[in-house]
C-alpha atoms as a PDB file:
ATOM      1  CA  MET A   1       0.002  -0.024   0.045  1.00  0.00           C
ATOM      2  CA  GLY A   2       3.012   2.234   0.462  1.00  0.00           C
ATOM      3  CA  THR A   3       3.701   2.167  -3.346  1.00  0.00           C
ATOM      4  CA  ALA A   4       0.057   2.853  -4.030  1.00  0.00           C
ATOM      5  CA  LYS A   5      -0.035   5.936  -1.785  1.00  0.00           C
ATOM      6  CA  GLU A   6       3.102   7.234  -3.378  1.00  0.00           C
ATOM      7  CA  LYS A   7       1.351   6.878  -6.802  1.00  0.00           C
ATOM      8  CA  GLY A   8      -1.592   8.904  -5.535  1.00  0.00           C
ATOM      9  CA  VAL A   9      -3.879   5.852  -4.977  1.00  0.00           C
ATOM     10  CA  ASN A  10      -6.434   5.811  -2.192  1.00  0.00           C
ATOM     11  CA  PRO A  11      -5.445   3.041   0.262  1.00  0.00           C
ATOM     12  CA  PHE A  12      -9.076   2.265   1.113  1.00  0.00           C
ATOM     13  CA  HIS A  13     -10.782   2.392  -2.316  1.00  0.00           C
ATOM     14  CA  TYR A  14      -8.025   0.739  -4.302  1.00  0.00           C
ATOM     15  CA  PRO A  15      -8.098  -2.642  -2.548  1.00  0.00           C
ATOM     16  CA  GLU A  16     -11.881  -2.673  -2.650  1.00  0.00           C
ATOM     17  CA  TYR A  17     -11.655  -2.040  -6.456  1.00  0.00           C
ATOM     18  CA  LEU A  18      -9.211  -4.905  -6.913  1.00  0.00           C
ATOM     19  CA  LEU A  19     -11.295  -7.276  -4.848  1.00  0.00           C
ATOM     20  CA  GLU A  20     -14.394  -6.430  -6.940  1.00  0.00           C
ATOM     21  CA  GLU A  21     -12.691  -6.511 -10.345  1.00  0.00           C
ATOM     22  CA  LEU A  22      -9.992  -9.185 -10.297  1.00  0.00           C
ATOM     23  CA  PRO A  23     -12.255 -12.205  -9.745  1.00  0.00           C
ATOM     24  CA  ASN A  24     -14.315 -11.206 -12.754  1.00  0.00           C
ATOM     25  CA  MET A  25     -11.431 -11.362 -15.147  1.00  0.00           C
ATOM     26  CA  ASN A  26     -11.592 -14.103 -17.768  1.00  0.00           C
ATOM     27  CA  ASN A  27      -8.016 -13.697 -18.860  1.00  0.00           C
ATOM     28  CA  THR A  28      -4.971 -13.711 -16.748  1.00  0.00           C
ATOM     29  CA  LYS A  29      -2.348 -12.340 -19.145  1.00  0.00           C
ATOM     30  CA  ILE A  30       0.211 -10.154 -17.529  1.00  0.00           C
ATOM     31  CA  GLU A  31      -0.685  -7.316 -19.977  1.00  0.00           C
ATOM     32  CA  ASP A  32      -4.336  -7.408 -18.832  1.00  0.00           C
ATOM     33  CA  LEU A  33      -3.265  -7.136 -15.199  1.00  0.00           C
ATOM     34  CA  ASN A  34      -1.292  -3.965 -15.846  1.00  0.00           C
ATOM     35  CA  GLN A  35      -4.607  -1.983 -15.847  1.00  0.00           C
ATOM     36  CA  PHE A  36      -4.854  -2.707 -12.191  1.00  0.00           C
ATOM     37  CA  LEU A  37      -1.473  -1.408 -11.101  1.00  0.00           C
ATOM     38  CA  PRO A  38      -1.357   1.783  -9.059  1.00  0.00           C
ATOM     39  CA  ARG A  39       0.398   3.648 -11.974  1.00  0.00           C
ATOM     40  CA  SER A  40      -2.434   2.737 -14.410  1.00  0.00           C
ATOM     41  CA  PRO A  41      -4.193   5.691 -15.928  1.00  0.00           C
ATOM     42  CA  THR A  42      -7.260   3.595 -16.338  1.00  0.00           C
ATOM     43  CA  LEU A  43      -8.022   3.271 -12.574  1.00  0.00           C
ATOM     44  CA  PRO A  44     -11.308   4.894 -11.621  1.00  0.00           C
ATOM     45  CA  GLU A  45     -11.207   8.293 -10.024  1.00  0.00           C
ATOM     46  CA  GLU A  46     -12.573   6.996  -6.682  1.00  0.00           C
ATOM     47  CA  CYS A  47      -9.339   5.006  -6.493  1.00  0.00           C
ATOM     48  CA  ARG A  48      -7.225   8.209  -6.695  1.00  0.00           C
ATOM     49  CA  ILE A  49      -6.265  10.563  -3.964  1.00  0.00           C
ATOM     50  CA  PRO A  50      -7.560  14.073  -4.913  1.00  0.00           C
ATOM     51  CA  ASN A  51      -4.885  16.664  -5.865  1.00  0.00           C
ATOM     52  CA  LYS A  52      -2.100  14.154  -5.695  1.00  0.00           C
ATOM     53  CA  THR A  53       0.509  14.583  -8.433  1.00  0.00           C
ATOM     54  CA  LYS A  54       1.626  11.412 -10.104  1.00  0.00           C
END
């Protein structure tokens, strides 16, 4: 969670998002998992810390 916070990711909403989304994945290619990393620009806004620079 330390890395997530450094990347501007909310330490409460991010794990919740992961637990909701990862079990629904049909494909486990590494490339597909990249969308869930803290640095991913595709994370929903509720997973981000407001006004945190990347």
